[in-house]
Amino acid sequence: MPDEFRSPIKHHLVLHRIDPEQGIRRFYSLMIERDLFGVVRLVCHWGRVGTRGQEAVTEFTTEQEAAEALEALARLKRRRGFLDL
């Protein structure tokens, strides 16, 4: 794909938190996508490693708004001990 069509926004981020002493093995995935109708969506998928987990979808009017929400959630999770995978 030519560079002029690529978005500068990071579209997928996976975080994890593993602490064997406390029995914590969790993941948190954030992804920006467009559906078939062109609606920008932020898909959050989280849970214990090895399970199906849960999913929540939030729609945004622009890709920039979705990117800001992704970064805000990522900052929150990193403060709670999650690391980039």
PDB file of N, CA and C in Angstrom:
ATOM      1  N   MET A   1       0.850  -1.174   0.000  1.00  0.00           N
ATOM      2  CA  MET A   1       0.000   0.000   0.000  1.00  0.00           C
ATOM      3  C   MET A   1       0.897   1.240   0.000  1.00  0.00           C
ATOM      4  N   PRO A   2       0.626   2.208  -0.854  1.00  0.00           N
ATOM      5  CA  PRO A   2       1.441   3.427  -0.886  1.00  0.00           C
ATOM      6  C   PRO A   2       1.351   4.196   0.432  1.00  0.00           C
ATOM      7  N   ASP A   3       2.425   4.871   0.782  1.00  0.00           N
ATOM      8  CA  ASP A   3       2.488   5.579   2.061  1.00  0.00           C
ATOM      9  C   ASP A   3       1.431   6.672   2.202  1.00  0.00           C
ATOM     10  N   GLU A   4       1.011   7.303   1.095  1.00  0.00           N
ATOM     11  CA  GLU A   4       0.038   8.390   1.228  1.00  0.00           C
ATOM     12  C   GLU A   4      -1.334   7.885   1.668  1.00  0.00           C
ATOM     13  N   PHE A   5      -1.599   6.566   1.520  1.00  0.00           N
ATOM     14  CA  PHE A   5      -2.871   6.001   1.952  1.00  0.00           C
ATOM     15  C   PHE A   5      -2.805   5.406   3.357  1.00  0.00           C
ATOM     16  N   ARG A   6      -1.626   5.287   3.908  1.00  0.00           N
ATOM     17  CA  ARG A   6      -1.486   4.713   5.246  1.00  0.00           C
ATOM     18  C   ARG A   6      -1.750   5.778   6.304  1.00  0.00           C
ATOM     19  N   SER A   7      -2.377   5.355   7.351  1.00  0.00           N
ATOM     20  CA  SER A   7      -2.689   6.270   8.445  1.00  0.00           C
ATOM     21  C   SER A   7      -1.510   6.335   9.409  1.00  0.00           C
ATOM     22  N   PRO A   8      -1.197   7.511   9.946  1.00  0.00           N
ATOM     23  CA  PRO A   8      -0.130   7.615  10.944  1.00  0.00           C
ATOM     24  C   PRO A   8      -0.567   7.112  12.319  1.00  0.00           C
ATOM     25  N   ILE A   9      -1.831   6.764  12.451  1.00  0.00           N
ATOM     26  CA  ILE A   9      -2.376   6.338  13.733  1.00  0.00           C
ATOM     27  C   ILE A   9      -2.132   4.852  13.933  1.00  0.00           C
ATOM     28  N   LYS A  10      -1.675   4.497  15.134  1.00  0.00           N
ATOM     29  CA  LYS A  10      -1.475   3.091  15.460  1.00  0.00           C
ATOM     30  C   LYS A  10      -2.851   2.436  15.592  1.00  0.00           C
ATOM     31  N   HIS A  11      -3.070   1.355  14.872  1.00  0.00           N
ATOM     32  CA  HIS A  11      -4.388   0.755  14.811  1.00  0.00           C
ATOM     33  C   HIS A  11      -4.596  -0.428  15.729  1.00  0.00           C
ATOM     34  N   HIS A  12      -3.540  -1.036  16.249  1.00  0.00           N
ATOM     35  CA  HIS A  12      -3.699  -2.212  17.093  1.00  0.00           C
ATOM     36  C   HIS A  12      -2.651  -2.203  18.189  1.00  0.00           C
ATOM     37  N   LEU A  13      -3.089  -2.439  19.408  1.00  0.00           N
ATOM     38  CA  LEU A  13      -2.192  -2.437  20.558  1.00  0.00           C
ATOM     39  C   LEU A  13      -2.605  -3.581  21.476  1.00  0.00           C
ATOM     40  N   VAL A  14      -1.636  -4.386  21.898  1.00  0.00           N
ATOM     41  CA  VAL A  14      -1.907  -5.490  22.813  1.00  0.00           C
ATOM     42  C   VAL A  14      -1.054  -5.285  24.062  1.00  0.00           C
ATOM     43  N   LEU A  15      -1.711  -5.310  25.205  1.00  0.00           N
ATOM     44  CA  LEU A  15      -1.043  -5.167  26.503  1.00  0.00           C
ATOM     45  C   LEU A  15      -1.254  -6.446  27.298  1.00  0.00           C
ATOM     46  N   HIS A  16      -0.332  -6.734  28.195  1.00  0.00           N
ATOM     47  CA  HIS A  16      -0.511  -7.898  29.064  1.00  0.00           C
ATOM     48  C   HIS A  16       0.030  -7.585  30.449  1.00  0.00           C
ATOM     49  N   ARG A  17      -0.502  -8.315  31.413  1.00  0.00           N
ATOM     50  CA  ARG A  17      -0.038  -8.193  32.797  1.00  0.00           C
ATOM     51  C   ARG A  17       0.069  -9.603  33.356  1.00  0.00           C
ATOM     52  N   ILE A  18       1.298 -10.018  33.636  1.00  0.00           N
ATOM     53  CA  ILE A  18       1.542 -11.360  34.148  1.00  0.00           C
ATOM     54  C   ILE A  18       2.340 -11.251  35.429  1.00  0.00           C
ATOM     55  N   ASP A  19       1.774 -11.770  36.519  1.00  0.00           N
ATOM     56  CA  ASP A  19       2.435 -11.798  37.819  1.00  0.00           C
ATOM     57  C   ASP A  19       2.129 -13.144  38.463  1.00  0.00           C
ATOM     58  N   PRO A  20       3.047 -14.124  38.298  1.00  0.00           N
ATOM     59  CA  PRO A  20       2.786 -15.474  38.827  1.00  0.00           C
ATOM     60  C   PRO A  20       2.569 -15.515  40.342  1.00  0.00           C
ATOM     61  N   GLU A  21       3.230 -14.629  41.076  1.00  0.00           N
ATOM     62  CA  GLU A  21       3.076 -14.623  42.534  1.00  0.00           C
ATOM     63  C   GLU A  21       1.658 -14.281  42.959  1.00  0.00           C
ATOM     64  N   GLN A  22       0.998 -13.416  42.201  1.00  0.00           N
ATOM     65  CA  GLN A  22      -0.372 -13.025  42.522  1.00  0.00           C
ATOM     66  C   GLN A  22      -1.402 -13.794  41.687  1.00  0.00           C
ATOM     67  N   GLY A  23      -0.938 -14.637  40.787  1.00  0.00           N
ATOM     68  CA  GLY A  23      -1.851 -15.407  39.945  1.00  0.00           C
ATOM     69  C   GLY A  23      -2.528 -14.574  38.879  1.00  0.00           C
ATOM     70  N   ILE A  24      -1.851 -13.520  38.432  1.00  0.00           N
ATOM     71  CA  ILE A  24      -2.429 -12.624  37.428  1.00  0.00           C
ATOM     72  C   ILE A  24      -1.846 -12.949  36.057  1.00  0.00           C
ATOM     73  N   ARG A  25      -2.724 -13.239  35.101  1.00  0.00           N
ATOM     74  CA  ARG A  25      -2.344 -13.467  33.701  1.00  0.00           C
ATOM     75  C   ARG A  25      -3.458 -12.870  32.854  1.00  0.00           C
ATOM     76  N   ARG A  26      -3.352 -11.578  32.541  1.00  0.00           N
ATOM     77  CA  ARG A  26      -4.423 -10.880  31.851  1.00  0.00           C
ATOM     78  C   ARG A  26      -3.911 -10.222  30.576  1.00  0.00           C
ATOM     79  N   PHE A  27      -4.834 -10.005  29.623  1.00  0.00           N
ATOM     80  CA  PHE A  27      -4.500  -9.303  28.391  1.00  0.00           C
ATOM     81  C   PHE A  27      -5.516  -8.205  28.150  1.00  0.00           C
ATOM     82  N   TYR A  28      -5.121  -7.214  27.364  1.00  0.00           N
ATOM     83  CA  TYR A  28      -6.001  -6.118  26.985  1.00  0.00           C
ATOM     84  C   TYR A  28      -5.612  -5.704  25.575  1.00  0.00           C
ATOM     85  N   SER A  29      -6.530  -5.828  24.641  1.00  0.00           N
ATOM     86  CA  SER A  29      -6.262  -5.536  23.235  1.00  0.00           C
ATOM     87  C   SER A  29      -7.138  -4.372  22.789  1.00  0.00           C
ATOM     88  N   LEU A  30      -6.532  -3.408  22.094  1.00  0.00           N
ATOM     89  CA  LEU A  30      -7.250  -2.253  21.561  1.00  0.00           C
ATOM     90  C   LEU A  30      -7.007  -2.183  20.062  1.00  0.00           C
ATOM     91  N   MET A  31      -8.076  -2.006  19.283  1.00  0.00           N
ATOM     92  CA  MET A  31      -7.925  -1.979  17.834  1.00  0.00           C
ATOM     93  C   MET A  31      -8.896  -0.960  17.230  1.00  0.00           C
ATOM     94  N   ILE A  32      -8.375  -0.137  16.320  1.00  0.00           N
ATOM     95  CA  ILE A  32      -9.210   0.801  15.569  1.00  0.00           C
ATOM     96  C   ILE A  32      -9.483   0.173  14.213  1.00  0.00           C
ATOM     97  N   GLU A  33     -10.757   0.170  13.813  1.00  0.00           N
ATOM     98  CA  GLU A  33     -11.120  -0.404  12.527  1.00  0.00           C
ATOM     99  C   GLU A  33     -12.282   0.366  11.926  1.00  0.00           C
ATOM    100  N   ARG A  34     -12.514   0.140  10.652  1.00  0.00           N
ATOM    101  CA  ARG A  34     -13.697   0.676   9.968  1.00  0.00           C
ATOM    102  C   ARG A  34     -14.598  -0.502   9.618  1.00  0.00           C
ATOM    103  N   ASP A  35     -15.901  -0.345   9.867  1.00  0.00           N
ATOM    104  CA  ASP A  35     -16.821  -1.417   9.490  1.00  0.00           C
ATOM    105  C   ASP A  35     -17.191  -1.276   8.008  1.00  0.00           C
ATOM    106  N   LEU A  36     -18.094  -2.099   7.544  1.00  0.00           N
ATOM    107  CA  LEU A  36     -18.470  -2.092   6.124  1.00  0.00           C
ATOM    108  C   LEU A  36     -19.080  -0.772   5.666  1.00  0.00           C
ATOM    109  N   PHE A  37     -19.609   0.009   6.595  1.00  0.00           N
ATOM    110  CA  PHE A  37     -20.251   1.272   6.254  1.00  0.00           C
ATOM    111  C   PHE A  37     -19.329   2.459   6.453  1.00  0.00           C
ATOM    112  N   GLY A  38     -18.060   2.215   6.806  1.00  0.00           N
ATOM    113  CA  GLY A  38     -17.086   3.282   6.982  1.00  0.00           C
ATOM    114  C   GLY A  38     -17.076   3.913   8.358  1.00  0.00           C
ATOM    115  N   VAL A  39     -17.809   3.355   9.303  1.00  0.00           N
ATOM    116  CA  VAL A  39     -17.848   3.893  10.661  1.00  0.00           C
ATOM    117  C   VAL A  39     -16.569   3.482  11.394  1.00  0.00           C
ATOM    118  N   VAL A  40     -15.929   4.456  12.046  1.00  0.00           N
ATOM    119  CA  VAL A  40     -14.705   4.193  12.800  1.00  0.00           C
ATOM    120  C   VAL A  40     -15.090   3.625  14.152  1.00  0.00           C
ATOM    121  N   ARG A  41     -14.483   2.476  14.497  1.00  0.00           N
ATOM    122  CA  ARG A  41     -14.815   1.797  15.756  1.00  0.00           C
ATOM    123  C   ARG A  41     -13.548   1.494  16.541  1.00  0.00           C
ATOM    124  N   LEU A  42     -13.631   1.627  17.857  1.00  0.00           N
ATOM    125  CA  LEU A  42     -12.568   1.198  18.754  1.00  0.00           C
ATOM    126  C   LEU A  42     -13.058  -0.082  19.423  1.00  0.00           C
ATOM    127  N   VAL A  43     -12.345  -1.182  19.161  1.00  0.00           N
ATOM    128  CA  VAL A  43     -12.721  -2.485  19.696  1.00  0.00           C
ATOM    129  C   VAL A  43     -11.770  -2.803  20.850  1.00  0.00           C
ATOM    130  N   CYS A  44     -12.326  -2.999  22.047  1.00  0.00           N
ATOM    131  CA  CYS A  44     -11.556  -3.364  23.233  1.00  0.00           C
ATOM    132  C   CYS A  44     -11.865  -4.816  23.571  1.00  0.00           C
ATOM    133  N   HIS A  45     -10.826  -5.611  23.723  1.00  0.00           N
ATOM    134  CA  HIS A  45     -10.982  -7.032  24.034  1.00  0.00           C
ATOM    135  C   HIS A  45     -10.068  -7.322  25.218  1.00  0.00           C
ATOM    136  N   TRP A  46     -10.619  -7.898  26.301  1.00  0.00           N
ATOM    137  CA  TRP A  46      -9.829  -8.115  27.504  1.00  0.00           C
ATOM    138  C   TRP A  46     -10.254  -9.392  28.204  1.00  0.00           C
ATOM    139  N   GLY A  47      -9.379  -9.864  29.098  1.00  0.00           N
ATOM    140  CA  GLY A  47      -9.710 -11.047  29.881  1.00  0.00           C
ATOM    141  C   GLY A  47      -8.476 -11.750  30.388  1.00  0.00           C
ATOM    142  N   ARG A  48      -8.670 -12.952  30.928  1.00  0.00           N
ATOM    143  CA  ARG A  48      -7.560 -13.778  31.390  1.00  0.00           C
ATOM    144  C   ARG A  48      -6.936 -14.481  30.203  1.00  0.00           C
ATOM    145  N   VAL A  49      -5.622 -14.610  30.216  1.00  0.00           N
ATOM    146  CA  VAL A  49      -4.921 -15.318  29.147  1.00  0.00           C
ATOM    147  C   VAL A  49      -5.443 -16.751  29.100  1.00  0.00           C
ATOM    148  N   GLY A  50      -5.790 -17.225  27.907  1.00  0.00           N
ATOM    149  CA  GLY A  50      -6.305 -18.568  27.729  1.00  0.00           C
ATOM    150  C   GLY A  50      -7.820 -18.655  27.703  1.00  0.00           C
ATOM    151  N   THR A  51      -8.503 -17.521  27.892  1.00  0.00           N
ATOM    152  CA  THR A  51      -9.968 -17.507  27.823  1.00  0.00           C
ATOM    153  C   THR A  51     -10.407 -16.658  26.637  1.00  0.00           C
ATOM    154  N   ARG A  52     -11.697 -16.708  26.346  1.00  0.00           N
ATOM    155  CA  ARG A  52     -12.226 -15.890  25.248  1.00  0.00           C
ATOM    156  C   ARG A  52     -12.304 -14.425  25.627  1.00  0.00           C
ATOM    157  N   GLY A  53     -12.454 -14.121  26.901  1.00  0.00           N
ATOM    158  CA  GLY A  53     -12.515 -12.741  27.352  1.00  0.00           C
ATOM    159  C   GLY A  53     -13.817 -12.054  26.983  1.00  0.00           C
ATOM    160  N   GLN A  54     -13.787 -10.736  27.081  1.00  0.00           N
ATOM    161  CA  GLN A  54     -14.953  -9.914  26.790  1.00  0.00           C
ATOM    162  C   GLN A  54     -14.576  -8.891  25.733  1.00  0.00           C
ATOM    163  N   GLU A  55     -15.598  -8.285  25.130  1.00  0.00           N
ATOM    164  CA  GLU A  55     -15.341  -7.311  24.077  1.00  0.00           C
ATOM    165  C   GLU A  55     -16.339  -6.173  24.183  1.00  0.00           C
ATOM    166  N   ALA A  56     -15.855  -4.965  23.922  1.00  0.00           N
ATOM    167  CA  ALA A  56     -16.714  -3.786  23.869  1.00  0.00           C
ATOM    168  C   ALA A  56     -16.330  -2.977  22.638  1.00  0.00           C
ATOM    169  N   VAL A  57     -17.323  -2.408  21.968  1.00  0.00           N
ATOM    170  CA  VAL A  57     -17.087  -1.624  20.760  1.00  0.00           C
ATOM    171  C   VAL A  57     -17.671  -0.235  20.965  1.00  0.00           C
ATOM    172  N   THR A  58     -16.860   0.796  20.640  1.00  0.00           N
ATOM    173  CA  THR A  58     -17.298   2.181  20.723  1.00  0.00           C
ATOM    174  C   THR A  58     -17.116   2.813  19.350  1.00  0.00           C
ATOM    175  N   GLU A  59     -18.123   3.514  18.871  1.00  0.00           N
ATOM    176  CA  GLU A  59     -18.047   4.159  17.568  1.00  0.00           C
ATOM    177  C   GLU A  59     -17.635   5.617  17.719  1.00  0.00           C
ATOM    178  N   PHE A  60     -16.849   6.096  16.751  1.00  0.00           N
ATOM    179  CA  PHE A  60     -16.367   7.477  16.741  1.00  0.00           C
ATOM    180  C   PHE A  60     -16.622   8.091  15.379  1.00  0.00           C
ATOM    181  N   THR A  61     -16.663   9.420  15.334  1.00  0.00           N
ATOM    182  CA  THR A  61     -16.909  10.104  14.062  1.00  0.00           C
ATOM    183  C   THR A  61     -15.630  10.217  13.236  1.00  0.00           C
ATOM    184  N   THR A  62     -14.462  10.289  13.895  1.00  0.00           N
ATOM    185  CA  THR A  62     -13.198  10.384  13.160  1.00  0.00           C
ATOM    186  C   THR A  62     -12.187   9.392  13.716  1.00  0.00           C
ATOM    187  N   GLU A  63     -11.209   9.088  12.881  1.00  0.00           N
ATOM    188  CA  GLU A  63     -10.135   8.186  13.291  1.00  0.00           C
ATOM    189  C   GLU A  63      -9.288   8.831  14.392  1.00  0.00           C
ATOM    190  N   GLN A  64      -9.137  10.154  14.334  1.00  0.00           N
ATOM    191  CA  GLN A  64      -8.351  10.864  15.346  1.00  0.00           C
ATOM    192  C   GLN A  64      -8.988  10.732  16.735  1.00  0.00           C
ATOM    193  N   GLU A  65     -10.296  10.847  16.828  1.00  0.00           N
ATOM    194  CA  GLU A  65     -10.988  10.687  18.114  1.00  0.00           C
ATOM    195  C   GLU A  65     -10.791   9.274  18.648  1.00  0.00           C
ATOM    196  N   ALA A  66     -10.877   8.283  17.788  1.00  0.00           N
ATOM    197  CA  ALA A  66     -10.669   6.893  18.203  1.00  0.00           C
ATOM    198  C   ALA A  66      -9.240   6.685  18.680  1.00  0.00           C
ATOM    199  N   ALA A  67      -8.276   7.306  18.005  1.00  0.00           N
ATOM    200  CA  ALA A  67      -6.871   7.183  18.395  1.00  0.00           C
ATOM    201  C   ALA A  67      -6.628   7.813  19.762  1.00  0.00           C
ATOM    202  N   GLU A  68      -7.251   8.947  20.023  1.00  0.00           N
ATOM    203  CA  GLU A  68      -7.117   9.596  21.327  1.00  0.00           C
ATOM    204  C   GLU A  68      -7.701   8.723  22.431  1.00  0.00           C
ATOM    205  N   ALA A  69      -8.837   8.097  22.167  1.00  0.00           N
ATOM    206  CA  ALA A  69      -9.447   7.198  23.149  1.00  0.00           C
ATOM    207  C   ALA A  69      -8.563   5.972  23.371  1.00  0.00           C
ATOM    208  N   LEU A  70      -7.976   5.431  22.292  1.00  0.00           N
ATOM    209  CA  LEU A  70      -7.068   4.290  22.411  1.00  0.00           C
ATOM    210  C   LEU A  70      -5.883   4.641  23.296  1.00  0.00           C
ATOM    211  N   GLU A  71      -5.268   5.792  23.056  1.00  0.00           N
ATOM    212  CA  GLU A  71      -4.106   6.205  23.850  1.00  0.00           C
ATOM    213  C   GLU A  71      -4.474   6.458  25.311  1.00  0.00           C
ATOM    214  N   ALA A  72      -5.654   7.022  25.562  1.00  0.00           N
ATOM    215  CA  ALA A  72      -6.084   7.270  26.944  1.00  0.00           C
ATOM    216  C   ALA A  72      -6.275   5.943  27.683  1.00  0.00           C
ATOM    217  N   LEU A  73      -6.915   4.969  27.040  1.00  0.00           N
ATOM    218  CA  LEU A  73      -7.092   3.653  27.665  1.00  0.00           C
ATOM    219  C   LEU A  73      -5.748   2.962  27.883  1.00  0.00           C
ATOM    220  N   ALA A  74      -4.854   3.079  26.906  1.00  0.00           N
ATOM    221  CA  ALA A  74      -3.524   2.457  27.037  1.00  0.00           C
ATOM    222  C   ALA A  74      -2.753   3.065  28.205  1.00  0.00           C
ATOM    223  N   ARG A  75      -2.820   4.390  28.360  1.00  0.00           N
ATOM    224  CA  ARG A  75      -2.137   5.044  29.499  1.00  0.00           C
ATOM    225  C   ARG A  75      -2.690   4.531  30.826  1.00  0.00           C
ATOM    226  N   LEU A  76      -4.004   4.409  30.917  1.00  0.00           N
ATOM    227  CA  LEU A  76      -4.648   3.918  32.136  1.00  0.00           C
ATOM    228  C   LEU A  76      -4.190   2.497  32.458  1.00  0.00           C
ATOM    229  N   LYS A  77      -4.189   1.632  31.454  1.00  0.00           N
ATOM    230  CA  LYS A  77      -3.775   0.237  31.670  1.00  0.00           C
ATOM    231  C   LYS A  77      -2.303   0.144  32.030  1.00  0.00           C
ATOM    232  N   ARG A  78      -1.459   0.962  31.415  1.00  0.00           N
ATOM    233  CA  ARG A  78      -0.026   0.947  31.758  1.00  0.00           C
ATOM    234  C   ARG A  78       0.194   1.397  33.201  1.00  0.00           C
ATOM    235  N   ARG A  79      -0.587   2.368  33.661  1.00  0.00           N
ATOM    236  CA  ARG A  79      -0.473   2.794  35.058  1.00  0.00           C
ATOM    237  C   ARG A  79      -0.880   1.685  36.017  1.00  0.00           C
ATOM    238  N   ARG A  80      -1.733   0.776  35.551  1.00  0.00           N
ATOM    239  CA  ARG A  80      -2.194  -0.340  36.390  1.00  0.00           C
ATOM    240  C   ARG A  80      -1.316  -1.573  36.250  1.00  0.00           C
ATOM    241  N   GLY A  81      -0.166  -1.437  35.579  1.00  0.00           N
ATOM    242  CA  GLY A  81       0.793  -2.526  35.526  1.00  0.00           C
ATOM    243  C   GLY A  81       0.828  -3.325  34.244  1.00  0.00           C
ATOM    244  N   PHE A  82       0.041  -2.966  33.251  1.00  0.00           N
ATOM    245  CA  PHE A  82       0.075  -3.663  31.967  1.00  0.00           C
ATOM    246  C   PHE A  82       1.294  -3.212  31.177  1.00  0.00           C
ATOM    247  N   LEU A  83       1.869  -4.116  30.400  1.00  0.00           N
ATOM    248  CA  LEU A  83       3.018  -3.833  29.561  1.00  0.00           C
ATOM    249  C   LEU A  83       2.678  -4.111  28.104  1.00  0.00           C
ATOM    250  N   ASP A  84       3.349  -3.418  27.191  1.00  0.00           N
ATOM    251  CA  ASP A  84       3.138  -3.665  25.760  1.00  0.00           C
ATOM    252  C   ASP A  84       3.666  -5.048  25.402  1.00  0.00           C
ATOM    253  N   LEU A  85       2.942  -5.734  24.552  1.00  0.00           N
ATOM    254  CA  LEU A  85       3.360  -7.073  24.115  1.00  0.00           C
ATOM    255  C   LEU A  85       4.126  -6.970  22.816  1.00  0.00           C
TER     256      LEU A  85
END
